[in-house]
PDB file of N, CA and C in Angstrom:
ATOM      1  N   MET A   1     107.710 111.683 134.351  1.00  0.00           N
ATOM      2  CA  MET A   1     108.550 110.637 134.229  1.00  0.00           C
ATOM      3  C   MET A   1     108.132 109.956 132.857  1.00  0.00           C
ATOM      4  N   VAL A   2     108.968 109.534 131.888  1.00  0.00           N
ATOM      5  CA  VAL A   2     108.604 108.774 130.794  1.00  0.00           C
ATOM      6  C   VAL A   2     108.525 107.278 131.049  1.00  0.00           C
ATOM      7  N   LYS A   3     107.517 106.704 130.608  1.00  0.00           N
ATOM      8  CA  LYS A   3     107.521 104.947 130.539  1.00  0.00           C
ATOM      9  C   LYS A   3     107.386 104.557 129.277  1.00  0.00           C
ATOM     10  N   SER A   4     108.066 103.638 129.065  1.00  0.00           N
ATOM     11  CA  SER A   4     108.078 102.707 127.856  1.00  0.00           C
ATOM     12  C   SER A   4     107.585 101.232 127.988  1.00  0.00           C
ATOM     13  N   ILE A   5     106.738 100.951 127.107  1.00  0.00           N
ATOM     14  CA  ILE A   5     106.170  99.630 126.898  1.00  0.00           C
ATOM     15  C   ILE A   5     106.645  99.169 125.585  1.00  0.00           C
ATOM     16  N   ALA A   6     107.354  97.847 125.604  1.00  0.00           N
ATOM     17  CA  ALA A   6     107.780  97.136 124.446  1.00  0.00           C
ATOM     18  C   ALA A   6     106.968  96.129 124.194  1.00  0.00           C
ATOM     19  N   VAL A   7     106.487  95.822 123.235  1.00  0.00           N
ATOM     20  CA  VAL A   7     105.751  94.457 122.762  1.00  0.00           C
ATOM     21  C   VAL A   7     106.819  93.895 121.603  1.00  0.00           C
ATOM     22  N   ALA A   8     107.189  92.623 121.944  1.00  0.00           N
ATOM     23  CA  ALA A   8     108.054  91.815 120.975  1.00  0.00           C
ATOM     24  C   ALA A   8     107.714  90.396 120.982  1.00  0.00           C
ATOM     25  N   SER A   9     108.363  89.795 120.124  1.00  0.00           N
ATOM     26  CA  SER A   9     108.186  88.460 120.190  1.00  0.00           C
ATOM     27  C   SER A   9     109.091  87.611 118.975  1.00  0.00           C
ATOM     28  N   GLY A  10     109.441  86.727 119.002  1.00  0.00           N
ATOM     29  CA  GLY A  10     110.313  86.208 117.846  1.00  0.00           C
ATOM     30  C   GLY A  10     109.628  85.701 116.650  1.00  0.00           C
ATOM     31  N   LYS A  11     108.334  85.616 116.731  1.00  0.00           N
ATOM     32  CA  LYS A  11     107.554  84.952 115.744  1.00  0.00           C
ATOM     33  C   LYS A  11     106.495  86.056 115.237  1.00  0.00           C
ATOM     34  N   GLY A  12     106.288  86.116 113.737  1.00  0.00           N
ATOM     35  CA  GLY A  12     105.584  86.806 113.248  1.00  0.00           C
ATOM     36  C   GLY A  12     104.165  86.445 113.320  1.00  0.00           C
ATOM     37  N   GLY A  13     103.040  87.359 113.193  1.00  0.00           N
ATOM     38  CA  GLY A  13     101.707  86.921 113.182  1.00  0.00           C
ATOM     39  C   GLY A  13     101.153  86.508 114.288  1.00  0.00           C
ATOM     40  N   VAL A  14     101.846  87.211 115.382  1.00  0.00           N
ATOM     41  CA  VAL A  14     101.107  86.837 116.797  1.00  0.00           C
ATOM     42  C   VAL A  14     100.268  87.968 117.390  1.00  0.00           C
ATOM     43  N   GLY A  15     100.221  88.988 116.587  1.00  0.00           N
ATOM     44  CA  GLY A  15      99.292  90.296 117.357  1.00  0.00           C
ATOM     45  C   GLY A  15     100.249  91.355 117.898  1.00  0.00           C
ATOM     46  N   LYS A  16     101.269  91.356 117.808  1.00  0.00           N
ATOM     47  CA  LYS A  16     102.106  92.253 118.375  1.00  0.00           C
ATOM     48  C   LYS A  16     101.693  93.739 118.029  1.00  0.00           C
ATOM     49  N   THR A  17     101.365  94.017 116.777  1.00  0.00           N
ATOM     50  CA  THR A  17     101.047  95.352 116.266  1.00  0.00           C
ATOM     51  C   THR A  17      99.440  95.529 116.912  1.00  0.00           C
ATOM     52  N   SER A  18      98.689  94.571 116.892  1.00  0.00           N
ATOM     53  CA  SER A  18      97.294  94.863 117.292  1.00  0.00           C
ATOM     54  C   SER A  18      97.258  95.123 118.742  1.00  0.00           C
ATOM     55  N   ILE A  19      98.213  94.565 119.554  1.00  0.00           N
ATOM     56  CA  ILE A  19      98.311  94.808 120.996  1.00  0.00           C
ATOM     57  C   ILE A  19      98.913  96.216 121.192  1.00  0.00           C
ATOM     58  N   ALA A  20      99.833  96.526 120.543  1.00  0.00           N
ATOM     59  CA  ALA A  20     100.597  97.973 120.622  1.00  0.00           C
ATOM     60  C   ALA A  20      99.664  99.222 120.324  1.00  0.00           C
ATOM     61  N   VAL A  21      98.746  98.877 119.012  1.00  0.00           N
ATOM     62  CA  VAL A  21      98.058  99.625 118.547  1.00  0.00           C
ATOM     63  C   VAL A  21      96.803 100.029 119.616  1.00  0.00           C
ATOM     64  N   ASN A  22      96.375  99.017 120.004  1.00  0.00           N
ATOM     65  CA  ASN A  22      95.112  99.052 121.020  1.00  0.00           C
ATOM     66  C   ASN A  22      95.536  99.533 122.246  1.00  0.00           C
ATOM     67  N   SER A  23      96.781  99.181 122.694  1.00  0.00           N
ATOM     68  CA  SER A  23      97.056  99.736 123.894  1.00  0.00           C
ATOM     69  C   SER A  23      97.474 101.238 124.092  1.00  0.00           C
ATOM     70  N   ALA A  24      97.830 101.737 122.745  1.00  0.00           N
ATOM     71  CA  ALA A  24      98.270 103.040 122.638  1.00  0.00           C
ATOM     72  C   ALA A  24      97.004 103.885 122.353  1.00  0.00           C
ATOM     73  N   ILE A  25      95.785 103.332 121.781  1.00  0.00           N
ATOM     74  CA  ILE A  25      94.867 104.098 121.653  1.00  0.00           C
ATOM     75  C   ILE A  25      94.003 104.258 123.191  1.00  0.00           C
ATOM     76  N   LYS A  26      93.999 103.115 123.716  1.00  0.00           N
ATOM     77  CA  LYS A  26      93.374 103.109 125.023  1.00  0.00           C
ATOM     78  C   LYS A  26      94.064 104.051 126.098  1.00  0.00           C
ATOM     79  N   LEU A  27      95.501 104.238 126.117  1.00  0.00           N
ATOM     80  CA  LEU A  27      96.153 105.158 126.991  1.00  0.00           C
ATOM     81  C   LEU A  27      96.045 106.516 126.361  1.00  0.00           C
ATOM     82  N   ALA A  28      95.781 106.835 125.278  1.00  0.00           N
ATOM     83  CA  ALA A  28      95.569 108.326 124.560  1.00  0.00           C
ATOM     84  C   ALA A  28      94.137 108.519 125.124  1.00  0.00           C
ATOM     85  N   MET A  29      93.152 107.711 125.079  1.00  0.00           N
ATOM     86  CA  MET A  29      91.860 107.888 125.334  1.00  0.00           C
ATOM     87  C   MET A  29      91.738 108.365 126.858  1.00  0.00           C
ATOM     88  N   GLU A  30      92.720 107.922 127.798  1.00  0.00           N
ATOM     89  CA  GLU A  30      92.682 108.172 128.846  1.00  0.00           C
ATOM     90  C   GLU A  30      93.433 109.521 129.467  1.00  0.00           C
ATOM     91  N   THR A  31      93.733 110.093 128.316  1.00  0.00           N
ATOM     92  CA  THR A  31      94.367 111.397 128.261  1.00  0.00           C
ATOM     93  C   THR A  31      95.758 111.283 128.574  1.00  0.00           C
ATOM     94  N   LYS A  32      96.238 110.198 128.443  1.00  0.00           N
ATOM     95  CA  LYS A  32      97.861 110.079 128.679  1.00  0.00           C
ATOM     96  C   LYS A  32      98.577 110.539 127.246  1.00  0.00           C
ATOM     97  N   ARG A  33      99.791 111.172 127.472  1.00  0.00           N
ATOM     98  CA  ARG A  33     100.473 111.611 126.263  1.00  0.00           C
ATOM     99  C   ARG A  33     101.035 110.126 125.585  1.00  0.00           C
ATOM    100  N   VAL A  34     100.867 109.847 124.533  1.00  0.00           N
ATOM    101  CA  VAL A  34     101.362 108.651 123.926  1.00  0.00           C
ATOM    102  C   VAL A  34     101.900 108.753 122.710  1.00  0.00           C
ATOM    103  N   ALA A  35     102.986 108.097 122.411  1.00  0.00           N
ATOM    104  CA  ALA A  35     103.608 107.930 121.101  1.00  0.00           C
ATOM    105  C   ALA A  35     104.113 106.626 120.723  1.00  0.00           C
ATOM    106  N   LEU A  36     103.592 106.119 119.535  1.00  0.00           N
ATOM    107  CA  LEU A  36     103.686 104.766 119.318  1.00  0.00           C
ATOM    108  C   LEU A  36     104.679 104.709 117.981  1.00  0.00           C
ATOM    109  N   LEU A  37     105.892 103.960 118.456  1.00  0.00           N
ATOM    110  CA  LEU A  37     107.030 103.844 117.507  1.00  0.00           C
ATOM    111  C   LEU A  37     106.781 102.347 116.914  1.00  0.00           C
ATOM    112  N   ASP A  38     106.380 102.156 115.635  1.00  0.00           N
ATOM    113  CA  ASP A  38     106.380 100.980 114.832  1.00  0.00           C
ATOM    114  C   ASP A  38     107.715 100.781 114.416  1.00  0.00           C
ATOM    115  N   ALA A  39     108.536  99.875 115.091  1.00  0.00           N
ATOM    116  CA  ALA A  39     109.702  99.576 114.810  1.00  0.00           C
ATOM    117  C   ALA A  39     110.132  98.359 113.736  1.00  0.00           C
ATOM    118  N   ASP A  40     108.932  97.923 113.272  1.00  0.00           N
ATOM    119  CA  ASP A  40     109.217  96.889 112.201  1.00  0.00           C
ATOM    120  C   ASP A  40     109.667  97.502 111.016  1.00  0.00           C
ATOM    121  N   PHE A  41     110.799  96.769 110.394  1.00  0.00           N
ATOM    122  CA  PHE A  41     111.216  97.352 109.265  1.00  0.00           C
ATOM    123  C   PHE A  41     111.414  96.312 107.984  1.00  0.00           C
ATOM    124  N   GLY A  42     110.451  95.360 108.461  1.00  0.00           N
ATOM    125  CA  GLY A  42     110.108  94.468 107.261  1.00  0.00           C
ATOM    126  C   GLY A  42     109.031  94.535 106.777  1.00  0.00           C
ATOM    127  N   LEU A  43     107.551  94.525 107.649  1.00  0.00           N
ATOM    128  CA  LEU A  43     106.179  94.821 107.076  1.00  0.00           C
ATOM    129  C   LEU A  43     105.412  95.727 108.264  1.00  0.00           C
ATOM    130  N   ALA A  44     106.065  96.796 108.318  1.00  0.00           N
ATOM    131  CA  ALA A  44     105.202  97.745 109.189  1.00  0.00           C
ATOM    132  C   ALA A  44     103.772  97.991 108.751  1.00  0.00           C
ATOM    133  N   ASN A  45     102.996  98.024 109.776  1.00  0.00           N
ATOM    134  CA  ASN A  45     101.503  98.098 109.416  1.00  0.00           C
ATOM    135  C   ASN A  45     100.706  98.847 110.493  1.00  0.00           C
ATOM    136  N   ALA A  46     101.352  99.409 111.489  1.00  0.00           N
ATOM    137  CA  ALA A  46     100.734 100.314 112.454  1.00  0.00           C
ATOM    138  C   ALA A  46      99.852 101.484 111.941  1.00  0.00           C
ATOM    139  N   HIS A  47     100.615 101.926 110.963  1.00  0.00           N
ATOM    140  CA  HIS A  47      99.883 103.147 110.171  1.00  0.00           C
ATOM    141  C   HIS A  47      98.506 102.612 109.613  1.00  0.00           C
ATOM    142  N   ILE A  48      98.455 101.413 109.081  1.00  0.00           N
ATOM    143  CA  ILE A  48      97.518 100.934 108.207  1.00  0.00           C
ATOM    144  C   ILE A  48      96.149 100.446 109.236  1.00  0.00           C
ATOM    145  N   MET A  49      96.491 100.074 110.547  1.00  0.00           N
ATOM    146  CA  MET A  49      95.515  99.746 111.530  1.00  0.00           C
ATOM    147  C   MET A  49      95.144 101.108 111.985  1.00  0.00           C
ATOM    148  N   LEU A  50      95.715 102.417 112.023  1.00  0.00           N
ATOM    149  CA  LEU A  50      95.298 103.560 112.153  1.00  0.00           C
ATOM    150  C   LEU A  50      94.835 104.263 111.315  1.00  0.00           C
ATOM    151  N   ASN A  51      94.464 103.763 110.110  1.00  0.00           N
ATOM    152  CA  ASN A  51      93.968 104.351 108.858  1.00  0.00           C
ATOM    153  C   ASN A  51      94.755 105.830 108.749  1.00  0.00           C
ATOM    154  N   GLN A  52      96.116 105.660 108.507  1.00  0.00           N
ATOM    155  CA  GLN A  52      96.985 106.636 108.237  1.00  0.00           C
ATOM    156  C   GLN A  52      97.779 106.406 106.864  1.00  0.00           C
ATOM    157  N   LYS A  53      97.570 107.566 105.907  1.00  0.00           N
ATOM    158  CA  LYS A  53      98.343 107.382 104.811  1.00  0.00           C
ATOM    159  C   LYS A  53      99.840 108.095 105.096  1.00  0.00           C
ATOM    160  N   VAL A  54     100.841 107.449 105.123  1.00  0.00           N
ATOM    161  CA  VAL A  54     101.978 108.093 105.528  1.00  0.00           C
ATOM    162  C   VAL A  54     103.104 108.263 104.268  1.00  0.00           C
ATOM    163  N   ASP A  55     103.613 109.611 104.200  1.00  0.00           N
ATOM    164  CA  ASP A  55     104.814 109.758 103.227  1.00  0.00           C
ATOM    165  C   ASP A  55     106.317 109.568 103.573  1.00  0.00           C
ATOM    166  N   ALA A  56     106.298 109.448 104.975  1.00  0.00           N
ATOM    167  CA  ALA A  56     107.620 109.234 105.487  1.00  0.00           C
ATOM    168  C   ALA A  56     107.569 108.303 106.664  1.00  0.00           C
ATOM    169  N   ASN A  57     108.586 107.876 106.892  1.00  0.00           N
ATOM    170  CA  ASN A  57     108.839 106.665 108.274  1.00  0.00           C
ATOM    171  C   ASN A  57     109.968 106.842 109.096  1.00  0.00           C
ATOM    172  N   ILE A  58     110.193 105.901 109.914  1.00  0.00           N
ATOM    173  CA  ILE A  58     111.415 105.976 110.914  1.00  0.00           C
ATOM    174  C   ILE A  58     112.649 105.920 109.971  1.00  0.00           C
ATOM    175  N   ASN A  59     112.622 105.121 109.080  1.00  0.00           N
ATOM    176  CA  ASN A  59     113.766 104.841 108.323  1.00  0.00           C
ATOM    177  C   ASN A  59     114.162 106.100 107.548  1.00  0.00           C
ATOM    178  N   ASP A  60     113.339 107.034 107.105  1.00  0.00           N
ATOM    179  CA  ASP A  60     113.769 108.267 106.537  1.00  0.00           C
ATOM    180  C   ASP A  60     114.313 109.101 107.572  1.00  0.00           C
ATOM    181  N   PHE A  61     113.931 109.133 108.739  1.00  0.00           N
ATOM    182  CA  PHE A  61     114.590 109.780 109.893  1.00  0.00           C
ATOM    183  C   PHE A  61     115.886 109.286 110.172  1.00  0.00           C
ATOM    184  N   LEU A  62     115.973 108.008 110.193  1.00  0.00           N
ATOM    185  CA  LEU A  62     117.428 107.332 110.706  1.00  0.00           C
ATOM    186  C   LEU A  62     118.481 107.629 109.355  1.00  0.00           C
ATOM    187  N   GLU A  63     117.850 107.694 108.280  1.00  0.00           N
ATOM    188  CA  GLU A  63     118.754 107.908 107.021  1.00  0.00           C
ATOM    189  C   GLU A  63     119.226 109.256 106.883  1.00  0.00           C
ATOM    190  N   GLY A  64     118.439 110.186 107.866  1.00  0.00           N
ATOM    191  CA  GLY A  64     118.948 111.704 107.448  1.00  0.00           C
ATOM    192  C   GLY A  64     118.090 112.253 106.500  1.00  0.00           C
ATOM    193  N   ASP A  65     117.116 111.752 105.848  1.00  0.00           N
ATOM    194  CA  ASP A  65     116.155 112.445 104.817  1.00  0.00           C
ATOM    195  C   ASP A  65     115.241 113.139 105.185  1.00  0.00           C
ATOM    196  N   ARG A  66     114.864 113.129 106.393  1.00  0.00           N
ATOM    197  CA  ARG A  66     113.603 114.010 107.082  1.00  0.00           C
ATOM    198  C   ARG A  66     113.907 114.182 108.780  1.00  0.00           C
ATOM    199  N   LYS A  67     113.384 115.209 108.978  1.00  0.00           N
ATOM    200  CA  LYS A  67     113.426 115.482 110.596  1.00  0.00           C
ATOM    201  C   LYS A  67     112.378 114.506 111.211  1.00  0.00           C
ATOM    202  N   LEU A  68     112.589 114.423 112.562  1.00  0.00           N
ATOM    203  CA  LEU A  68     111.682 113.520 113.282  1.00  0.00           C
ATOM    204  C   LEU A  68     110.216 114.240 113.144  1.00  0.00           C
ATOM    205  N   ASP A  69     110.244 115.440 113.343  1.00  0.00           N
ATOM    206  CA  ASP A  69     108.741 116.210 113.291  1.00  0.00           C
ATOM    207  C   ASP A  69     108.026 115.956 112.001  1.00  0.00           C
ATOM    208  N   GLU A  70     108.786 115.574 110.990  1.00  0.00           N
ATOM    209  CA  GLU A  70     108.154 115.424 109.467  1.00  0.00           C
ATOM    210  C   GLU A  70     107.679 113.961 109.734  1.00  0.00           C
ATOM    211  N   VAL A  71     108.171 112.984 110.457  1.00  0.00           N
ATOM    212  CA  VAL A  71     107.785 111.738 110.378  1.00  0.00           C
ATOM    213  C   VAL A  71     106.745 111.370 111.341  1.00  0.00           C
ATOM    214  N   ILE A  72     106.497 112.288 112.408  1.00  0.00           N
ATOM    215  CA  ILE A  72     105.255 111.950 113.253  1.00  0.00           C
ATOM    216  C   ILE A  72     104.001 112.183 112.712  1.00  0.00           C
ATOM    217  N   CYS A  73     102.911 111.412 112.837  1.00  0.00           N
ATOM    218  CA  CYS A  73     101.779 111.561 112.256  1.00  0.00           C
ATOM    219  C   CYS A  73     100.895 111.698 113.804  1.00  0.00           C
ATOM    220  N   ASN A  74      99.899 112.685 113.592  1.00  0.00           N
ATOM    221  CA  ASN A  74      98.984 112.790 114.916  1.00  0.00           C
ATOM    222  C   ASN A  74      97.815 112.110 114.528  1.00  0.00           C
ATOM    223  N   VAL A  75      97.290 111.306 115.388  1.00  0.00           N
ATOM    224  CA  VAL A  75      96.226 110.378 115.160  1.00  0.00           C
ATOM    225  C   VAL A  75      95.276 110.580 116.438  1.00  0.00           C
ATOM    226  N   PRO A  76      93.845 110.849 115.956  1.00  0.00           N
ATOM    227  CA  PRO A  76      93.047 110.863 117.042  1.00  0.00           C
ATOM    228  C   PRO A  76      92.999 109.451 117.780  1.00  0.00           C
ATOM    229  N   PRO A  77      92.899 109.457 119.006  1.00  0.00           N
ATOM    230  CA  PRO A  77      92.411 110.517 119.836  1.00  0.00           C
ATOM    231  C   PRO A  77      93.477 111.166 120.682  1.00  0.00           C
ATOM    232  N   GLY A  78      94.471 111.828 120.036  1.00  0.00           N
ATOM    233  CA  GLY A  78      95.583 112.492 120.787  1.00  0.00           C
ATOM    234  C   GLY A  78      96.972 111.530 120.619  1.00  0.00           C
ATOM    235  N   LEU A  79      97.085 110.585 119.761  1.00  0.00           N
ATOM    236  CA  LEU A  79      97.981 109.751 119.775  1.00  0.00           C
ATOM    237  C   LEU A  79      99.147 110.236 118.674  1.00  0.00           C
ATOM    238  N   LYS A  80     100.301 110.118 119.091  1.00  0.00           N
ATOM    239  CA  LYS A  80     101.307 110.311 118.017  1.00  0.00           C
ATOM    240  C   LYS A  80     101.975 109.033 117.258  1.00  0.00           C
ATOM    241  N   LEU A  81     102.054 108.825 116.175  1.00  0.00           N
ATOM    242  CA  LEU A  81     102.647 107.659 115.373  1.00  0.00           C
ATOM    243  C   LEU A  81     103.703 108.048 114.669  1.00  0.00           C
ATOM    244  N   ILE A  82     104.824 107.158 115.203  1.00  0.00           N
ATOM    245  CA  ILE A  82     106.045 107.185 114.398  1.00  0.00           C
ATOM    246  C   ILE A  82     106.000 105.793 113.452  1.00  0.00           C
ATOM    247  N   PRO A  83     105.747 106.070 112.271  1.00  0.00           N
ATOM    248  CA  PRO A  83     105.546 104.747 111.400  1.00  0.00           C
ATOM    249  C   PRO A  83     106.659 104.024 111.136  1.00  0.00           C
ATOM    250  N   GLY A  84     106.779 102.751 111.064  1.00  0.00           N
ATOM    251  CA  GLY A  84     107.756 101.870 110.598  1.00  0.00           C
ATOM    252  C   GLY A  84     107.997 102.030 109.094  1.00  0.00           C
ATOM    253  N   GLY A  85     108.942 101.229 108.517  1.00  0.00           N
ATOM    254  CA  GLY A  85     109.180 101.087 107.252  1.00  0.00           C
ATOM    255  C   GLY A  85     109.061  99.680 106.677  1.00  0.00           C
ATOM    256  N   SER A  86     108.655  99.606 105.631  1.00  0.00           N
ATOM    257  CA  SER A  86     108.300  98.299 105.006  1.00  0.00           C
ATOM    258  C   SER A  86     109.469  97.838 103.855  1.00  0.00           C
ATOM    259  N   GLY A  87     109.924  96.883 103.990  1.00  0.00           N
ATOM    260  CA  GLY A  87     110.825  96.279 102.976  1.00  0.00           C
ATOM    261  C   GLY A  87     112.064  97.040 102.940  1.00  0.00           C
ATOM    262  N   VAL A  88     112.535  97.496 104.347  1.00  0.00           N
ATOM    263  CA  VAL A  88     113.729  98.264 104.401  1.00  0.00           C
ATOM    264  C   VAL A  88     115.021  97.255 104.778  1.00  0.00           C
TER     265      VAL A  88
END
């Protein structure tokens, strides 16, 4: 069964990304299958917190420029990251 956890707030700078990234890492360390979607289209930074240099993001997939498997980043410890887009 797939479970989803959403972290949201109407205000910026309250730690949504920090909570989401750290929760995803913790679950992955417990050998759970985890995919983290950074749905921020303004100032996405989950990839920065995970020390990942990305060439494509979720916006590229939604625009039809990339396939989903070209957007997903594999991040230790077994976490899959779908990076958000900045300034979209």
